[in-house]
Amino acid sequence: MFFAEKDKGAFLNNQRLRVSKKNSIDDCLFSSNHEGVKFSDLNMRYSGCAALDLAYVASGRLDGFFHNNINLWDVAAGEILVKEAGGLVNDIHKFDVNKIDIRASSAAINDKMLENLVNF
């Protein structure tokens, strides 16, 4: 079970989680929704479950996640998992709760990922 608590870390079955340490975007694996997969030339997968994808970013199984117009309840738990695992998540609280544009990754690749998503 994935769980996190603010300022206390993120865990999977009591094992501490950390985001990926990869720093070459070509070596990274990202996840998004159907539109994101069509848009991007990044190495992609599409699971259809934003909460699980964010948990996978927190655990280093995925290197980044991006999605537009998603609901707060789809990403709220994943946001704290990624942050507590040492990752970065854009400020999702500045959006309408039904139309959030989320970007999540490790600090090592965040700028490179955002450059690739400038028109997304």
N, C-alpha and C. Protein backbone atom coordinates (compact mmCIF):
# COMPACT_ATOMS: atom_id res chain seq x y z
N MET A 1 0.83 -1.17 0.00
CA MET A 1 0.00 0.00 0.00
C MET A 1 0.89 1.25 0.00
N PHE A 2 0.59 2.17 -0.90
CA PHE A 2 1.27 3.46 -0.95
C PHE A 2 0.65 4.38 0.09
N PHE A 3 1.49 5.12 0.82
CA PHE A 3 0.98 6.13 1.73
C PHE A 3 2.03 7.20 1.98
N ALA A 4 1.57 8.38 2.35
CA ALA A 4 2.46 9.50 2.64
C ALA A 4 1.81 10.40 3.66
N GLU A 5 2.65 11.11 4.38
CA GLU A 5 2.18 12.11 5.32
C GLU A 5 3.09 13.31 5.19
N LYS A 6 2.50 14.48 5.16
CA LYS A 6 3.28 15.70 4.97
C LYS A 6 4.42 15.80 5.98
N ASP A 7 5.60 16.05 5.45
CA ASP A 7 6.85 16.20 6.23
C ASP A 7 7.29 14.91 6.92
N LYS A 8 6.71 13.77 6.54
CA LYS A 8 7.11 12.49 7.15
C LYS A 8 7.49 11.44 6.13
N GLY A 9 7.41 11.77 4.83
CA GLY A 9 7.87 10.86 3.79
C GLY A 9 6.75 10.10 3.11
N ALA A 10 7.16 9.39 2.06
CA ALA A 10 6.25 8.55 1.28
C ALA A 10 6.76 7.12 1.35
N PHE A 11 5.82 6.18 1.37
CA PHE A 11 6.19 4.78 1.60
C PHE A 11 5.35 3.84 0.75
N LEU A 12 5.92 2.67 0.48
CA LEU A 12 5.21 1.54 -0.10
C LEU A 12 5.49 0.36 0.82
N ASN A 13 4.45 -0.11 1.50
CA ASN A 13 4.60 -1.22 2.44
C ASN A 13 5.76 -1.00 3.41
N ASN A 14 5.80 0.19 3.99
CA ASN A 14 6.79 0.59 4.99
C ASN A 14 8.21 0.77 4.46
N GLN A 15 8.39 0.74 3.14
CA GLN A 15 9.68 1.03 2.54
C GLN A 15 9.66 2.45 1.99
N ARG A 16 10.64 3.25 2.36
CA ARG A 16 10.70 4.65 1.96
C ARG A 16 10.79 4.77 0.44
N LEU A 17 10.05 5.70 -0.13
CA LEU A 17 10.06 5.94 -1.57
C LEU A 17 10.94 7.13 -1.91
N ARG A 18 11.57 7.04 -3.08
CA ARG A 18 12.35 8.15 -3.64
C ARG A 18 12.10 8.20 -5.14
N VAL A 19 12.01 9.40 -5.69
CA VAL A 19 11.83 9.55 -7.13
C VAL A 19 13.10 9.10 -7.85
N SER A 20 12.98 8.90 -9.13
CA SER A 20 14.09 8.47 -9.98
C SER A 20 15.25 9.46 -9.94
N LYS A 21 16.45 8.95 -10.11
CA LYS A 21 17.63 9.80 -10.15
C LYS A 21 18.14 10.00 -11.58
N LYS A 22 17.41 9.50 -12.56
CA LYS A 22 17.84 9.66 -13.95
C LYS A 22 17.90 11.13 -14.31
N ASN A 23 18.92 11.50 -15.11
CA ASN A 23 19.03 12.89 -15.52
C ASN A 23 19.07 13.06 -17.04
N SER A 24 19.00 11.97 -17.79
CA SER A 24 18.91 12.05 -19.24
C SER A 24 17.46 11.76 -19.64
N ILE A 25 16.83 12.73 -20.25
CA ILE A 25 15.41 12.58 -20.60
C ILE A 25 15.18 11.42 -21.57
N ASP A 26 16.17 11.09 -22.37
CA ASP A 26 16.03 9.98 -23.31
C ASP A 26 15.97 8.62 -22.61
N ASP A 27 16.46 8.55 -21.39
CA ASP A 27 16.42 7.30 -20.61
C ASP A 27 15.17 7.19 -19.75
N CYS A 28 14.34 8.22 -19.76
CA CYS A 28 13.20 8.29 -18.85
C CYS A 28 11.93 7.71 -19.48
N LEU A 29 11.02 7.29 -18.61
CA LEU A 29 9.71 6.79 -19.01
C LEU A 29 8.65 7.67 -18.35
N PHE A 30 7.73 8.18 -19.15
CA PHE A 30 6.71 9.09 -18.69
C PHE A 30 5.33 8.49 -18.88
N SER A 31 4.36 9.05 -18.18
CA SER A 31 2.98 8.63 -18.34
C SER A 31 2.10 9.86 -18.47
N SER A 32 1.01 9.67 -19.18
CA SER A 32 0.04 10.75 -19.38
C SER A 32 -1.29 10.13 -19.77
N ASN A 33 -2.21 10.98 -20.16
CA ASN A 33 -3.48 10.50 -20.68
C ASN A 33 -3.33 10.25 -22.18
N HIS A 34 -4.42 9.88 -22.84
CA HIS A 34 -4.39 9.57 -24.26
C HIS A 34 -3.89 10.75 -25.09
N GLU A 35 -4.34 11.96 -24.75
CA GLU A 35 -3.89 13.16 -25.48
C GLU A 35 -2.40 13.41 -25.29
N GLY A 36 -1.90 13.20 -24.09
CA GLY A 36 -0.49 13.40 -23.82
C GLY A 36 0.39 12.43 -24.58
N VAL A 37 -0.06 11.20 -24.70
CA VAL A 37 0.69 10.20 -25.45
C VAL A 37 0.77 10.59 -26.92
N LYS A 38 -0.33 11.07 -27.48
CA LYS A 38 -0.34 11.49 -28.89
C LYS A 38 0.52 12.73 -29.10
N PHE A 39 0.56 13.61 -28.12
CA PHE A 39 1.26 14.88 -28.25
C PHE A 39 2.77 14.73 -28.19
N SER A 40 3.26 13.91 -27.30
CA SER A 40 4.66 13.90 -26.93
C SER A 40 5.48 12.87 -27.70
N ASP A 41 6.76 13.19 -27.91
CA ASP A 41 7.68 12.21 -28.46
C ASP A 41 8.59 11.63 -27.37
N LEU A 42 8.22 11.86 -26.11
CA LEU A 42 8.93 11.25 -24.99
C LEU A 42 8.61 9.77 -24.92
N ASN A 43 9.42 8.99 -24.23
CA ASN A 43 9.12 7.57 -24.01
C ASN A 43 7.91 7.50 -23.09
N MET A 44 6.82 6.94 -23.59
CA MET A 44 5.54 7.06 -22.89
C MET A 44 4.88 5.71 -22.63
N ARG A 45 4.04 5.73 -21.63
CA ARG A 45 3.07 4.66 -21.39
C ARG A 45 1.77 5.32 -20.96
N TYR A 46 0.70 4.58 -21.05
CA TYR A 46 -0.62 5.11 -20.73
C TYR A 46 -1.37 4.05 -19.94
N SER A 47 -1.51 4.27 -18.64
CA SER A 47 -2.18 3.28 -17.79
C SER A 47 -3.66 3.58 -17.61
N GLY A 48 -4.02 4.85 -17.71
CA GLY A 48 -5.40 5.25 -17.48
C GLY A 48 -5.73 5.53 -16.03
N CYS A 49 -4.73 5.50 -15.15
CA CYS A 49 -4.96 5.72 -13.73
C CYS A 49 -3.95 6.73 -13.20
N ALA A 50 -4.36 7.99 -13.09
CA ALA A 50 -3.47 9.06 -12.66
C ALA A 50 -2.90 8.83 -11.26
N ALA A 51 -3.72 8.34 -10.36
CA ALA A 51 -3.27 8.12 -8.98
C ALA A 51 -2.13 7.09 -8.94
N LEU A 52 -2.28 6.01 -9.69
CA LEU A 52 -1.23 4.99 -9.73
C LEU A 52 0.01 5.52 -10.44
N ASP A 53 -0.17 6.26 -11.52
CA ASP A 53 0.98 6.82 -12.22
C ASP A 53 1.79 7.74 -11.31
N LEU A 54 1.12 8.56 -10.53
CA LEU A 54 1.84 9.43 -9.60
C LEU A 54 2.54 8.63 -8.50
N ALA A 55 1.93 7.56 -8.04
CA ALA A 55 2.59 6.69 -7.07
C ALA A 55 3.84 6.07 -7.69
N TYR A 56 3.75 5.73 -8.97
CA TYR A 56 4.91 5.16 -9.67
C TYR A 56 6.01 6.20 -9.87
N VAL A 57 5.65 7.46 -10.06
CA VAL A 57 6.67 8.52 -10.11
C VAL A 57 7.35 8.62 -8.75
N ALA A 58 6.56 8.59 -7.69
CA ALA A 58 7.13 8.67 -6.33
C ALA A 58 8.08 7.52 -6.04
N SER A 59 7.79 6.35 -6.59
CA SER A 59 8.61 5.17 -6.32
C SER A 59 9.75 4.99 -7.31
N GLY A 60 9.85 5.87 -8.32
CA GLY A 60 10.92 5.75 -9.31
C GLY A 60 10.62 4.78 -10.43
N ARG A 61 9.45 4.18 -10.45
CA ARG A 61 9.08 3.27 -11.54
C ARG A 61 8.80 4.05 -12.82
N LEU A 62 8.27 5.25 -12.68
CA LEU A 62 8.12 6.19 -13.78
C LEU A 62 8.94 7.43 -13.43
N ASP A 63 9.37 8.14 -14.46
CA ASP A 63 10.19 9.33 -14.22
C ASP A 63 9.40 10.62 -14.23
N GLY A 64 8.22 10.60 -14.82
CA GLY A 64 7.41 11.80 -14.85
C GLY A 64 5.99 11.50 -15.27
N PHE A 65 5.10 12.45 -14.95
CA PHE A 65 3.68 12.34 -15.29
C PHE A 65 3.17 13.71 -15.65
N PHE A 66 2.35 13.78 -16.70
CA PHE A 66 1.69 15.03 -17.06
C PHE A 66 0.31 14.73 -17.60
N HIS A 67 -0.61 15.66 -17.33
CA HIS A 67 -2.01 15.47 -17.72
C HIS A 67 -2.68 16.83 -17.66
N ASN A 68 -3.55 17.11 -18.60
CA ASN A 68 -4.32 18.36 -18.60
C ASN A 68 -5.78 18.07 -18.30
N ASN A 69 -6.44 19.06 -17.68
CA ASN A 69 -7.88 19.01 -17.39
C ASN A 69 -8.29 17.77 -16.60
N ILE A 70 -7.59 17.52 -15.54
CA ILE A 70 -7.91 16.38 -14.67
C ILE A 70 -8.53 16.92 -13.38
N ASN A 71 -9.24 16.08 -12.68
CA ASN A 71 -9.91 16.47 -11.44
C ASN A 71 -8.97 16.38 -10.24
N LEU A 72 -9.20 17.24 -9.27
CA LEU A 72 -8.38 17.25 -8.06
C LEU A 72 -8.36 15.90 -7.37
N TRP A 73 -9.50 15.23 -7.27
CA TRP A 73 -9.55 13.95 -6.56
C TRP A 73 -8.75 12.85 -7.27
N ASP A 74 -8.40 13.06 -8.53
CA ASP A 74 -7.58 12.09 -9.24
C ASP A 74 -6.09 12.23 -8.93
N VAL A 75 -5.69 13.40 -8.45
CA VAL A 75 -4.26 13.66 -8.28
C VAL A 75 -3.84 14.11 -6.88
N ALA A 76 -4.77 14.37 -6.00
CA ALA A 76 -4.44 14.93 -4.68
C ALA A 76 -3.52 14.01 -3.87
N ALA A 77 -3.85 12.74 -3.80
CA ALA A 77 -3.02 11.80 -3.03
C ALA A 77 -1.66 11.62 -3.70
N GLY A 78 -1.65 11.55 -5.03
CA GLY A 78 -0.40 11.39 -5.76
C GLY A 78 0.53 12.58 -5.61
N GLU A 79 -0.05 13.77 -5.49
CA GLU A 79 0.77 14.97 -5.31
C GLU A 79 1.62 14.85 -4.05
N ILE A 80 1.03 14.48 -2.95
CA ILE A 80 1.82 14.38 -1.70
C ILE A 80 2.80 13.22 -1.76
N LEU A 81 2.44 12.13 -2.42
CA LEU A 81 3.39 11.02 -2.57
C LEU A 81 4.65 11.49 -3.29
N VAL A 82 4.47 12.18 -4.43
CA VAL A 82 5.62 12.63 -5.21
C VAL A 82 6.45 13.64 -4.42
N LYS A 83 5.81 14.61 -3.80
CA LYS A 83 6.55 15.62 -3.04
C LYS A 83 7.32 14.99 -1.87
N GLU A 84 6.68 14.08 -1.16
CA GLU A 84 7.34 13.45 -0.01
C GLU A 84 8.44 12.47 -0.42
N ALA A 85 8.43 12.05 -1.70
CA ALA A 85 9.48 11.18 -2.21
C ALA A 85 10.62 11.98 -2.83
N GLY A 86 10.55 13.31 -2.72
CA GLY A 86 11.61 14.17 -3.21
C GLY A 86 11.39 14.73 -4.59
N GLY A 87 10.20 14.56 -5.14
CA GLY A 87 9.90 15.05 -6.48
C GLY A 87 9.27 16.42 -6.48
N LEU A 88 9.01 16.91 -7.68
CA LEU A 88 8.39 18.21 -7.88
C LEU A 88 7.03 18.05 -8.54
N VAL A 89 6.08 18.84 -8.08
CA VAL A 89 4.75 18.90 -8.68
C VAL A 89 4.39 20.38 -8.81
N ASN A 90 3.89 20.75 -10.00
CA ASN A 90 3.49 22.15 -10.17
C ASN A 90 2.37 22.48 -9.19
N ASP A 91 2.10 23.76 -9.04
CA ASP A 91 1.08 24.21 -8.09
C ASP A 91 -0.30 23.90 -8.63
N ILE A 92 -0.83 22.73 -8.28
CA ILE A 92 -2.14 22.31 -8.80
C ILE A 92 -3.29 23.05 -8.14
N HIS A 93 -3.01 23.75 -7.05
CA HIS A 93 -4.07 24.44 -6.31
C HIS A 93 -4.46 25.79 -6.92
N LYS A 94 -3.73 26.21 -7.95
CA LYS A 94 -4.10 27.45 -8.62
C LYS A 94 -5.15 27.22 -9.71
N PHE A 95 -5.50 25.96 -9.96
CA PHE A 95 -6.46 25.61 -10.99
C PHE A 95 -7.85 25.37 -10.41
N ASP A 96 -8.84 25.38 -11.27
CA ASP A 96 -10.19 24.93 -10.91
C ASP A 96 -10.09 23.45 -10.56
N VAL A 97 -10.81 22.98 -9.56
CA VAL A 97 -10.68 21.58 -9.10
C VAL A 97 -11.06 20.56 -10.16
N ASN A 98 -11.77 20.98 -11.20
CA ASN A 98 -12.16 20.06 -12.27
C ASN A 98 -11.31 20.20 -13.53
N LYS A 99 -10.33 21.09 -13.51
CA LYS A 99 -9.53 21.33 -14.72
C LYS A 99 -8.08 21.60 -14.35
N ILE A 100 -7.44 20.65 -13.73
CA ILE A 100 -6.06 20.80 -13.28
C ILE A 100 -5.11 20.33 -14.37
N ASP A 101 -4.07 21.10 -14.61
CA ASP A 101 -2.97 20.69 -15.47
C ASP A 101 -1.81 20.32 -14.54
N ILE A 102 -1.45 19.05 -14.51
CA ILE A 102 -0.43 18.59 -13.57
C ILE A 102 0.84 18.17 -14.30
N ARG A 103 1.96 18.47 -13.68
CA ARG A 103 3.28 18.06 -14.14
C ARG A 103 4.03 17.58 -12.90
N ALA A 104 4.54 16.36 -12.94
CA ALA A 104 5.25 15.80 -11.79
C ALA A 104 6.46 15.02 -12.27
N SER A 105 7.59 15.19 -11.58
CA SER A 105 8.82 14.49 -11.94
C SER A 105 9.86 14.69 -10.84
N SER A 106 11.04 14.16 -11.08
CA SER A 106 12.16 14.45 -10.18
C SER A 106 12.73 15.81 -10.53
N ALA A 107 13.45 16.40 -9.62
CA ALA A 107 14.09 17.69 -9.89
C ALA A 107 15.12 17.58 -11.00
N ALA A 108 15.75 16.43 -11.14
CA ALA A 108 16.80 16.23 -12.13
C ALA A 108 16.31 16.40 -13.56
N ILE A 109 15.07 16.04 -13.84
CA ILE A 109 14.57 16.11 -15.21
C ILE A 109 13.40 17.08 -15.39
N ASN A 110 12.99 17.73 -14.33
CA ASN A 110 11.80 18.57 -14.39
C ASN A 110 11.88 19.64 -15.49
N ASP A 111 12.98 20.38 -15.55
CA ASP A 111 13.10 21.44 -16.55
C ASP A 111 13.07 20.87 -17.97
N LYS A 112 13.73 19.75 -18.18
CA LYS A 112 13.76 19.12 -19.51
C LYS A 112 12.36 18.63 -19.90
N MET A 113 11.63 18.07 -18.94
CA MET A 113 10.28 17.62 -19.22
C MET A 113 9.39 18.79 -19.59
N LEU A 114 9.46 19.88 -18.81
CA LEU A 114 8.64 21.06 -19.08
C LEU A 114 8.96 21.68 -20.43
N GLU A 115 10.22 21.65 -20.86
CA GLU A 115 10.59 22.16 -22.18
C GLU A 115 9.87 21.36 -23.27
N ASN A 116 9.77 20.05 -23.09
CA ASN A 116 9.09 19.20 -24.05
C ASN A 116 7.59 19.39 -24.06
N LEU A 117 7.06 19.96 -22.99
CA LEU A 117 5.60 20.11 -22.85
C LEU A 117 5.13 21.55 -23.03
N VAL A 118 5.98 22.40 -23.56
CA VAL A 118 5.67 23.82 -23.63
C VAL A 118 4.37 24.08 -24.40
N ASN A 119 4.03 23.27 -25.38
CA ASN A 119 2.81 23.47 -26.16
C ASN A 119 1.69 22.52 -25.78
N PHE A 120 1.83 21.77 -24.70
CA PHE A 120 0.82 20.80 -24.29
C PHE A 120 -0.17 21.45 -23.35
